[in-house]
């Protein structure tokens, strides 16, 4: 299996530290708002990588952290006049709810930064004792000049970084590139006792502390969005390898940006849609297929047209799955035994996925399979039951368990219930169009009529969701 390693800038053969399991850490959300669909790309692609490793027989110790103390959380708490802990708890729960709707598998560990403060303090203290960190009036900084390999992940030249300085001036720092490990408490902010006085950890030290505490001082895979390469992951390497004097991560993986009109989708630019907003219009399977059709490391343009196409693609696979389910109820051991090589499709799928998790080619293998099975079904009046058993097994193992682009469990549920949800989402979309056209009376009528049927619409800045009474 080959993985493109950001650190070496080439594909490398994957050799896990332990023969039976893989340690994998993914940078999770800072919980001050609903996460946007660009964040969802990283979370879903990391999930697919984890699922494929499990498909290959590995057990995966998968860790995704929750940053629940941060400047943005504090800012939001001031805006909403609520404690920062309450803001973080609310959006953390919203994160888990939305991840479940996106069919992202539960992590082995979801550490919260505030539960690992002692580990962070110990790590910072070790760096200070080694002369790599320094305290200035309760603020503790990492001295990048003490780590000779600083810049090795991002490929940035330390001298150019110092000269180019898009870094805010701080008179307390020895060097403008030095970064905060511990921040002195400000009035009204959450804080903890430490050897340097009351304060809170810097962002970068949180991931190093949680990763090494839960997975070990060296881990197999560390993943996150491209925007985290510098400074976040660069700083994680510097502080972790300085503290433990061994390699921090063997394989660094980074996910490309989701763009709108070729511009990165981000909260700071205001050109984003939340995941929960998109989930009112499209199924999780369609969203996952949309992401799977592009290489994880490259950019991807977001559009309704592409998601519509992905929705239709998912429906083709689901239609075959429904045919198979129906045939399994009627088929017997009598009939034709088609000459069909199921193993070829497993081998083709594994071959492309082993090459740096090539999901676009993996999706192509699945659609080839769908086309071939549909032809067998249409060409033969009576087929032995084993053919349908094997066909279902392939879709379950590959399209469902690995990519998550169909859900065979849903086929066993009421199709009327699934259709009902789709129709509600359709009406929500119509209502949004009416509101944009300022036809508020008809938009209100849709809301009121749905309410009479026991379907409550909930409007928010991130879109409209529904729940049933």
Protein backbone atom coordinates (compact mmCIF):
# COMPACT_ATOMS: atom_id res chain seq x y z
CA UNK A 1 0.00 0.00 0.00
CA UNK A 2 1.34 3.43 -1.01
CA UNK A 3 0.64 6.69 0.84
CA UNK A 4 1.67 10.15 -0.33
CA UNK A 5 3.65 11.57 2.58
CA UNK A 6 3.63 15.37 2.80
CA UNK A 7 6.90 15.20 4.75
CA UNK A 8 8.87 13.41 2.01
CA UNK A 9 6.75 14.81 -0.87
CA UNK A 10 6.45 11.37 -2.44
CA UNK A 11 4.47 8.15 -2.21
CA UNK A 12 5.87 5.71 0.31
CA UNK A 13 5.16 2.06 1.09
CA UNK A 14 3.00 1.88 4.20
CA UNK A 15 4.62 0.04 7.07
CA UNK A 16 2.72 0.47 10.34
CA UNK A 17 4.64 0.57 13.61
CA UNK A 18 2.59 -2.37 14.94
CA UNK A 19 1.70 -5.29 12.66
CA UNK A 20 -1.87 -5.61 13.94
CA UNK A 21 -3.07 -2.04 14.30
CA UNK A 22 -2.63 1.47 12.95
CA UNK A 23 -2.47 4.67 15.00
CA UNK A 24 -4.17 7.58 13.24
CA UNK A 25 -4.73 11.13 14.49
CA UNK A 26 -6.93 13.65 12.68
CA UNK A 27 -7.25 17.29 13.68
CA UNK A 28 -10.86 17.84 14.70
CA UNK A 29 -12.99 20.95 15.04
CA UNK A 30 -12.70 24.05 17.18
CA UNK A 31 -16.23 24.04 18.55
CA UNK A 32 -17.51 27.60 18.27
CA UNK A 33 -19.87 27.15 15.29
CA UNK A 34 -21.34 24.50 12.99
CA UNK A 35 -18.65 23.06 10.74
CA UNK A 36 -18.81 23.88 7.05
CA UNK A 37 -18.95 21.48 4.13
CA UNK A 38 -15.25 22.14 3.42
CA UNK A 39 -14.38 20.79 6.89
CA UNK A 40 -16.67 17.86 6.12
CA UNK A 41 -14.43 16.90 3.20
CA UNK A 42 -11.48 16.35 5.56
CA UNK A 43 -13.59 14.43 8.07
CA UNK A 44 -15.19 12.19 5.42
CA UNK A 45 -11.97 11.44 3.53
CA UNK A 46 -10.20 10.60 6.81
CA UNK A 47 -13.12 8.30 7.59
CA UNK A 48 -12.77 6.55 4.21
CA UNK A 49 -9.03 6.05 4.77
CA UNK A 50 -9.73 4.59 8.20
CA UNK A 51 -12.46 2.32 6.78
CA UNK A 52 -10.18 1.07 4.00
CA UNK A 53 -7.44 0.23 6.48
CA UNK A 54 -10.04 -1.80 8.39
CA UNK A 55 -11.14 -3.41 5.12
CA UNK A 56 -7.50 -4.49 4.69
CA UNK A 57 -7.62 -6.17 8.09
CA UNK A 58 -6.02 -3.55 10.34
CA UNK A 59 -7.48 -2.44 13.63
CA UNK A 60 -7.32 1.36 13.68
CA UNK A 61 -6.85 3.42 16.82
CA UNK A 62 -8.50 6.51 15.39
CA UNK A 63 -8.31 9.76 17.34
CA UNK A 64 -10.02 13.04 16.48
CA UNK A 65 -9.64 15.82 19.00
CA UNK A 66 -12.11 18.49 20.05
CA UNK A 67 -10.59 21.93 20.63
CA UNK A 68 -12.87 23.31 23.34
CA UNK A 69 -10.75 26.23 24.55
CA UNK A 70 -9.71 28.81 21.98
CA UNK A 71 -9.86 32.52 21.08
CA UNK A 72 -12.84 31.96 18.76
CA UNK A 73 -14.79 30.13 21.47
CA UNK A 74 -14.10 32.95 23.91
CA UNK A 75 -15.18 35.54 21.31
CA UNK A 76 -18.41 33.60 20.67
CA UNK A 77 -19.10 33.33 24.40
CA UNK A 78 -18.82 37.11 24.73
CA UNK A 79 -21.17 37.62 21.76
CA UNK A 80 -23.74 35.17 23.10
CA UNK A 81 -23.20 36.19 26.75
CA UNK A 82 -22.69 32.57 27.76
CA UNK A 83 -19.80 30.77 29.46
CA UNK A 84 -17.19 29.54 27.00
CA UNK A 85 -17.69 26.00 28.30
CA UNK A 86 -21.42 26.18 27.42
CA UNK A 87 -20.66 27.41 23.89
CA UNK A 88 -18.11 24.62 23.39
CA UNK A 89 -20.45 21.93 24.75
CA UNK A 90 -23.29 23.04 22.46
CA UNK A 91 -21.24 23.05 19.27
CA UNK A 92 -19.37 19.86 20.22
CA UNK A 93 -22.71 18.05 20.43
CA UNK A 94 -23.77 19.62 17.11
CA UNK A 95 -20.50 18.33 15.61
CA UNK A 96 -21.19 14.76 16.75
CA UNK A 97 -24.78 14.96 15.50
CA UNK A 98 -23.71 16.14 12.05
CA UNK A 99 -20.87 13.60 11.81
CA UNK A 100 -23.37 10.82 12.51
CA UNK A 101 -25.66 12.15 9.75
CA UNK A 102 -22.66 12.13 7.38
CA UNK A 103 -22.07 8.46 8.29
CA UNK A 104 -18.61 9.18 9.72
CA UNK A 105 -17.65 6.27 11.97
CA UNK A 106 -17.23 7.03 15.65
CA UNK A 107 -13.60 7.61 16.66
CA UNK A 108 -11.78 5.36 19.09
CA UNK A 109 -10.97 8.51 21.07
CA UNK A 110 -12.45 12.03 20.93
CA UNK A 111 -10.23 13.82 23.46
CA UNK A 112 -11.25 17.30 24.54
CA UNK A 113 -8.44 19.77 25.14
CA UNK A 114 -9.78 20.83 28.53
CA UNK A 115 -9.50 17.24 29.79
CA UNK A 116 -5.78 17.09 29.00
CA UNK A 117 -4.48 20.34 30.50
CA UNK A 118 -2.19 18.52 32.95
CA UNK A 119 -0.55 16.58 30.08
CA UNK A 120 -0.01 19.86 28.21
CA UNK A 121 1.53 21.55 31.27
CA UNK A 122 3.92 18.60 31.75
CA UNK A 123 4.93 18.72 28.08
CA UNK A 124 5.58 22.47 28.22
CA UNK A 125 7.56 22.06 31.47
CA UNK A 126 9.78 19.44 29.80
CA UNK A 127 10.47 21.82 26.91
CA UNK A 128 11.28 24.63 29.34
CA UNK A 129 13.73 22.41 31.29
CA UNK A 130 15.51 21.61 28.01
CA UNK A 131 15.87 25.33 27.27
CA UNK A 132 13.61 25.07 24.21
CA UNK A 133 10.71 27.01 25.74
CA UNK A 134 10.91 30.30 27.64
CA UNK A 135 8.57 32.15 29.98
CA UNK A 136 7.92 35.87 29.67
CA UNK A 137 5.56 37.22 32.33
CA UNK A 138 3.35 34.13 32.31
CA UNK A 139 3.40 33.62 28.53
CA UNK A 140 5.47 30.62 27.44
CA UNK A 141 6.89 30.44 23.91
CA UNK A 142 8.62 27.76 21.86
CA UNK A 143 12.03 28.91 20.59
CA UNK A 144 12.07 27.77 16.94
CA UNK A 145 15.82 28.50 16.66
CA UNK A 146 16.39 25.49 18.96
CA UNK A 147 14.79 23.08 16.44
CA UNK A 148 17.12 22.75 13.46
CA UNK A 149 14.56 21.06 11.22
CA UNK A 150 11.88 23.73 11.57
CA UNK A 151 10.12 24.06 8.20
CA UNK A 152 10.73 20.46 7.05
CA UNK A 153 7.03 19.63 6.65
CA UNK A 154 5.93 22.80 4.85
CA UNK A 155 9.18 23.26 2.94
CA UNK A 156 9.36 26.82 4.18
CA UNK A 157 12.72 28.48 4.72
CA UNK A 158 13.03 29.82 8.25
CA UNK A 159 15.03 32.88 7.15
CA UNK A 160 12.46 33.77 4.50
CA UNK A 161 9.67 33.31 7.03
CA UNK A 162 11.36 35.70 9.44
CA UNK A 163 11.86 38.26 6.68
CA UNK A 164 8.42 37.85 5.16
CA UNK A 165 6.64 37.98 8.50
CA UNK A 166 2.94 37.83 8.07
CA UNK A 167 3.22 37.33 11.78
CA UNK A 168 1.97 39.86 14.28
CA UNK A 169 4.72 41.67 16.14
CA UNK A 170 5.12 40.57 19.76
CA UNK A 171 7.84 42.23 21.81
CA UNK A 172 7.86 39.31 24.25
CA UNK A 173 9.14 36.87 21.63
CA UNK A 174 12.83 36.31 20.95
CA UNK A 175 11.95 35.56 17.33
CA UNK A 176 8.78 36.51 15.42
CA UNK A 177 8.31 32.82 14.49
CA UNK A 178 8.27 31.65 18.11
CA UNK A 179 4.79 30.40 19.00
CA UNK A 180 2.76 30.32 22.19
CA UNK A 181 2.70 27.16 24.27
CA UNK A 182 0.92 28.77 27.22
CA UNK A 183 -1.09 32.01 27.28
CA UNK A 184 -1.34 34.17 30.36
CA UNK A 185 -4.92 34.52 31.58
CA UNK A 186 -6.89 37.61 30.70
CA UNK A 187 -9.74 38.82 32.83
CA UNK A 188 -12.93 36.83 32.30
CA UNK A 189 -11.28 34.12 30.17
CA UNK A 190 -11.18 30.42 31.11
CA UNK A 191 -7.90 29.61 32.84
CA UNK A 192 -6.02 26.91 34.72
CA UNK A 193 -3.27 26.97 37.35
CA UNK A 194 0.22 26.30 36.04
CA UNK A 195 3.90 26.80 37.04
CA UNK A 196 3.73 30.09 35.09
CA UNK A 197 0.54 31.37 36.71
CA UNK A 198 -3.05 31.13 35.56
CA UNK A 199 -3.53 30.70 31.83
CA UNK A 200 -4.54 28.35 29.04
CA UNK A 201 -2.69 26.26 26.45
CA UNK A 202 -1.82 27.38 22.95
CA UNK A 203 -3.54 25.58 20.09
CA UNK A 204 -0.51 23.66 18.79
CA UNK A 205 0.49 22.05 22.08
CA UNK A 206 -3.01 20.61 22.48
CA UNK A 207 -2.69 18.19 19.56
CA UNK A 208 0.83 17.11 20.48
CA UNK A 209 -0.23 16.37 24.05
CA UNK A 210 -3.40 14.48 23.15
CA UNK A 211 -1.80 12.52 20.31
CA UNK A 212 1.25 11.33 22.25
CA UNK A 213 -0.79 10.65 25.39
CA UNK A 214 -3.36 8.44 23.63
CA UNK A 215 -1.45 6.91 20.71
CA UNK A 216 2.24 6.98 21.65
CA UNK A 217 5.24 9.23 21.06
CA UNK A 218 5.46 8.11 17.41
CA UNK A 219 2.28 7.45 15.42
CA UNK A 220 1.59 6.03 11.99
CA UNK A 221 -0.67 8.63 10.34
CA UNK A 222 -1.49 12.24 11.14
CA UNK A 223 -4.03 13.90 8.85
CA UNK A 224 -5.80 17.21 8.39
CA UNK A 225 -6.61 19.93 5.88
CA UNK A 226 -3.91 21.54 3.72
CA UNK A 227 -4.35 24.76 5.68
CA UNK A 228 -2.95 23.03 8.79
CA UNK A 229 0.45 22.17 7.27
CA UNK A 230 1.80 25.54 8.40
CA UNK A 231 1.96 26.60 11.10
CA UNK A 232 -0.09 24.03 13.04
CA UNK A 233 1.46 20.73 11.94
CA UNK A 234 4.90 22.28 11.55
CA UNK A 235 4.71 23.42 15.17
CA UNK A 236 3.40 20.06 16.34
CA UNK A 237 6.50 18.41 14.87
CA UNK A 238 8.86 20.95 16.42
CA UNK A 239 7.49 20.68 19.95
CA UNK A 240 6.88 16.89 19.92
CA UNK A 241 10.26 15.91 18.47
CA UNK A 242 12.04 18.39 20.75
CA UNK A 243 10.30 16.95 23.80
CA UNK A 244 10.60 13.23 23.03
CA UNK A 245 13.69 13.20 20.78
CA UNK A 246 12.14 10.79 18.30
CA UNK A 247 10.09 10.98 15.11
CA UNK A 248 6.58 12.27 15.80
CA UNK A 249 4.66 10.98 12.74
CA UNK A 250 5.63 8.50 10.02
CA UNK A 251 3.03 9.52 7.39
CA UNK A 252 1.56 13.01 7.07
CA UNK A 253 -1.62 13.19 4.97
CA UNK A 254 -3.37 16.40 3.92
CA UNK A 255 -6.73 17.02 2.30
CA UNK A 256 -7.30 19.58 -0.44
CA UNK A 257 -9.53 22.62 -0.17
CA UNK A 258 -13.16 22.70 -1.17
CA UNK A 259 -13.53 25.78 -3.36
CA UNK A 260 -16.39 27.97 -4.46
CA UNK A 261 -15.66 29.53 -7.84
CA UNK A 262 -12.02 28.48 -7.42
CA UNK A 263 -11.68 30.29 -4.09
CA UNK A 264 -11.12 28.39 -0.85
CA UNK A 265 -14.30 27.94 1.17
CA UNK A 266 -13.78 29.38 4.65
CA UNK A 267 -15.60 31.04 7.50
CA UNK A 268 -13.28 34.05 7.35
CA UNK A 269 -14.27 34.70 3.71
CA UNK A 270 -17.95 34.10 4.43
CA UNK A 271 -18.33 31.92 1.32
CA UNK A 272 -19.36 28.72 3.04
CA UNK A 273 -22.27 26.38 3.63
CA UNK A 274 -22.57 24.37 6.80
CA UNK A 275 -22.70 20.60 6.58
CA UNK A 276 -26.13 20.55 8.21
CA UNK A 277 -27.40 23.01 5.62
CA UNK A 278 -26.22 20.79 2.73
CA UNK A 279 -27.70 17.73 4.46
CA UNK A 280 -31.18 19.27 4.12
CA UNK A 281 -30.76 19.12 0.33
CA UNK A 282 -28.61 16.06 -0.29
CA UNK A 283 -28.17 12.64 1.26
CA UNK A 284 -25.02 11.72 3.15
CA UNK A 285 -24.39 9.10 0.47
CA UNK A 286 -24.45 11.73 -2.29
CA UNK A 287 -22.09 14.02 -0.34
CA UNK A 288 -19.66 11.16 0.30
CA UNK A 289 -19.78 10.14 -3.38
CA UNK A 290 -19.16 13.76 -4.42
CA UNK A 291 -15.99 13.83 -2.31
CA UNK A 292 -14.90 10.33 -3.36
CA UNK A 293 -14.94 11.27 -7.05
CA UNK A 294 -11.90 13.54 -6.59
CA UNK A 295 -8.42 12.72 -5.28
CA UNK A 296 -8.32 13.60 -1.58
CA UNK A 297 -5.23 15.80 -1.83
CA UNK A 298 -6.39 18.00 -4.70
CA UNK A 299 -8.77 20.96 -4.80
CA UNK A 300 -12.46 20.37 -5.42
CA UNK A 301 -15.00 22.88 -6.67
CA UNK A 302 -18.36 22.89 -4.94
CA UNK A 303 -21.56 23.29 -6.95
CA UNK A 304 -25.18 22.15 -6.83
CA UNK A 305 -24.73 20.66 -10.30
CA UNK A 306 -21.92 18.36 -9.14
CA UNK A 307 -23.88 17.33 -6.05
CA UNK A 308 -26.97 16.69 -8.18
CA UNK A 309 -24.83 14.43 -10.38
CA UNK A 310 -23.47 12.63 -7.31
CA UNK A 311 -27.03 12.14 -6.03
CA UNK A 312 -27.99 10.49 -9.34
CA UNK A 313 -24.87 8.33 -9.19
CA UNK A 314 -25.71 7.14 -5.68
CA UNK A 315 -29.24 6.35 -6.84
CA UNK A 316 -27.88 4.07 -9.60
CA UNK A 317 -26.04 2.00 -7.00
CA UNK A 318 -29.06 2.01 -4.68
CA UNK A 319 -31.33 0.91 -7.53
CA UNK A 320 -29.12 -2.12 -8.12
CA UNK A 321 -29.03 -2.86 -4.38
CA UNK A 322 -32.85 -2.79 -4.32
CA UNK A 323 -32.99 -5.15 -7.31
CA UNK A 324 -30.66 -7.53 -5.49
CA UNK A 325 -32.75 -7.37 -2.28
CA UNK A 326 -35.92 -8.11 -4.24
CA UNK A 327 -34.23 -10.99 -6.13
CA UNK A 328 -32.89 -12.52 -2.90
CA UNK A 329 -36.47 -12.96 -1.69
CA UNK A 330 -37.55 -14.73 -4.88
CA UNK A 331 -34.43 -16.55 -6.12
CA UNK A 332 -33.68 -20.24 -5.45
CA UNK A 333 -30.93 -22.71 -6.21
CA UNK A 334 -32.54 -23.32 -9.61
CA UNK A 335 -31.67 -21.25 -12.66
CA UNK A 336 -28.62 -19.91 -14.42
CA UNK A 337 -25.24 -19.74 -12.70
CA UNK A 338 -23.72 -16.69 -14.47
CA UNK A 339 -20.04 -16.71 -15.39
CA UNK A 340 -19.17 -13.68 -13.30
CA UNK A 341 -15.79 -13.00 -11.68
CA UNK A 342 -16.55 -11.24 -8.41
CA UNK A 343 -12.94 -11.54 -7.27
CA UNK A 344 -11.82 -9.41 -10.22
CA UNK A 345 -13.80 -6.46 -8.88
CA UNK A 346 -12.42 -6.91 -5.37
CA UNK A 347 -8.91 -7.06 -6.81
CA UNK A 348 -9.46 -4.02 -9.03
CA UNK A 349 -10.84 -2.02 -6.11
CA UNK A 350 -7.95 -3.00 -3.82
CA UNK A 351 -5.38 -2.24 -6.53
CA UNK A 352 -6.50 1.38 -6.98
CA UNK A 353 -7.17 2.01 -3.29
CA UNK A 354 -3.75 0.62 -2.39
CA UNK A 355 -2.30 3.37 -4.57
CA UNK A 356 -2.69 6.28 -2.13
CA UNK A 357 -6.42 5.70 -1.54
CA UNK A 358 -7.43 6.48 -5.12
CA UNK A 359 -11.16 6.86 -4.47
CA UNK A 360 -12.04 8.21 -7.96
CA UNK A 361 -10.79 4.95 -9.48
CA UNK A 362 -12.44 3.00 -6.66
CA UNK A 363 -15.76 4.62 -7.54
CA UNK A 364 -15.17 3.74 -11.21
CA UNK A 365 -14.72 0.06 -10.27
CA UNK A 366 -18.05 0.14 -8.41
CA UNK A 367 -19.89 1.67 -11.39
CA UNK A 368 -18.31 -0.94 -13.69
CA UNK A 369 -19.64 -3.58 -11.31
CA UNK A 370 -23.12 -2.00 -11.29
CA UNK A 371 -23.21 -1.96 -15.09
CA UNK A 372 -22.03 -5.57 -15.37
CA UNK A 373 -24.48 -6.93 -12.77
CA UNK A 374 -27.40 -5.03 -14.30
CA UNK A 375 -26.56 -6.66 -17.65
CA UNK A 376 -26.51 -10.14 -16.10
CA UNK A 377 -29.90 -9.50 -14.50
CA UNK A 378 -31.46 -8.15 -17.70
CA UNK A 379 -30.00 -10.94 -19.89
CA UNK A 380 -31.21 -13.83 -17.71
CA UNK A 381 -34.75 -14.65 -16.66
CA UNK A 382 -33.85 -16.90 -13.73
CA UNK A 383 -30.57 -16.68 -11.80
CA UNK A 384 -29.32 -18.79 -8.90
CA UNK A 385 -29.57 -17.16 -5.47
CA UNK A 386 -25.80 -17.36 -4.85
CA UNK A 387 -25.18 -14.76 -7.55
CA UNK A 388 -27.32 -12.23 -5.65
CA UNK A 389 -25.71 -13.18 -2.32
CA UNK A 390 -22.26 -12.49 -3.80
CA UNK A 391 -23.39 -9.26 -5.49
CA UNK A 392 -24.83 -7.94 -2.23
CA UNK A 393 -21.65 -8.91 -0.38
CA UNK A 394 -19.54 -6.85 -2.79
CA UNK A 395 -21.75 -3.76 -2.50
CA UNK A 396 -21.81 -4.13 1.28
CA UNK A 397 -18.06 -4.60 1.63
CA UNK A 398 -16.94 -1.90 -0.80
CA UNK A 399 -19.63 0.72 -1.54
CA UNK A 400 -21.14 0.64 1.96
CA UNK A 401 -18.44 -0.35 4.44
CA UNK A 402 -15.50 1.45 2.79
CA UNK A 403 -16.82 4.47 0.88
CA UNK A 404 -20.18 4.82 2.62
CA UNK A 405 -21.87 5.86 -0.64
CA UNK A 406 -24.84 3.57 -0.06
CA UNK A 407 -26.50 2.25 3.08
CA UNK A 408 -27.82 -1.28 2.73
CA UNK A 409 -29.46 -1.04 6.16
CA UNK A 410 -31.75 1.62 4.77
CA UNK A 411 -33.10 -0.88 2.24
CA UNK A 412 -34.55 -2.89 5.09
CA UNK A 413 -36.40 0.11 6.43
CA UNK A 414 -39.61 1.58 5.14
CA UNK A 415 -39.01 3.03 1.69
CA UNK A 416 -42.00 5.28 2.34
CA UNK A 417 -40.14 6.84 5.30
CA UNK A 418 -37.04 7.48 3.20
CA UNK A 419 -39.17 8.98 0.41
CA UNK A 420 -40.99 11.15 2.95
CA UNK A 421 -37.71 12.66 4.17
CA UNK A 422 -36.64 13.34 0.58
CA UNK A 423 -39.97 15.07 -0.15
CA UNK A 424 -39.63 17.22 2.97
CA UNK A 425 -36.13 18.26 1.87
CA UNK A 426 -37.55 19.06 -1.57
CA UNK A 427 -40.22 21.31 -0.02
CA UNK A 428 -37.57 23.02 2.12
CA UNK A 429 -35.64 23.80 -1.07
CA UNK A 430 -38.78 25.18 -2.74
CA UNK A 431 -39.49 27.30 0.33
CA UNK A 432 -35.93 28.73 0.28
CA UNK A 433 -36.41 29.70 -3.39
CA UNK A 434 -39.73 31.37 -2.56
CA UNK A 435 -38.13 33.36 0.27
CA UNK A 436 -35.38 34.56 -2.08
CA UNK A 437 -38.12 35.66 -4.49
CA UNK A 438 -39.82 37.45 -1.55
CA UNK A 439 -42.92 35.27 -1.92
CA UNK A 440 -43.21 35.02 1.86
CA UNK A 441 -46.92 34.16 1.96
CA UNK A 442 -46.44 30.93 -0.03
CA UNK A 443 -43.26 30.12 1.92
CA UNK A 444 -45.23 30.50 5.17
CA UNK A 445 -48.02 28.33 3.78
CA UNK A 446 -45.53 25.49 3.18
CA UNK A 447 -44.28 25.83 6.76
CA UNK A 448 -47.82 25.88 8.18
CA UNK A 449 -49.04 22.94 6.09
CA UNK A 450 -46.02 20.86 7.11
CA UNK A 451 -46.66 21.82 10.72
CA UNK A 452 -50.22 20.47 10.46
CA UNK A 453 -48.73 17.16 9.28
CA UNK A 454 -46.48 17.07 12.36
CA UNK A 455 -43.30 18.25 10.61
CA UNK A 456 -41.63 21.21 12.33
CA UNK A 457 -39.22 23.41 10.37
CA UNK A 458 -36.42 25.11 12.26
CA UNK A 459 -34.76 28.11 10.58
CA UNK A 460 -31.28 29.25 11.57
CA UNK A 461 -28.36 31.14 10.05
CA UNK A 462 -26.95 27.85 8.80
CA UNK A 463 -30.13 26.79 7.00
CA UNK A 464 -33.43 25.01 7.65
CA UNK A 465 -33.72 21.64 9.35
CA UNK A 466 -36.82 19.62 10.27
CA UNK A 467 -38.02 17.26 12.94
CA UNK A 468 -41.14 15.14 13.21
CA UNK A 469 -43.56 15.26 16.11
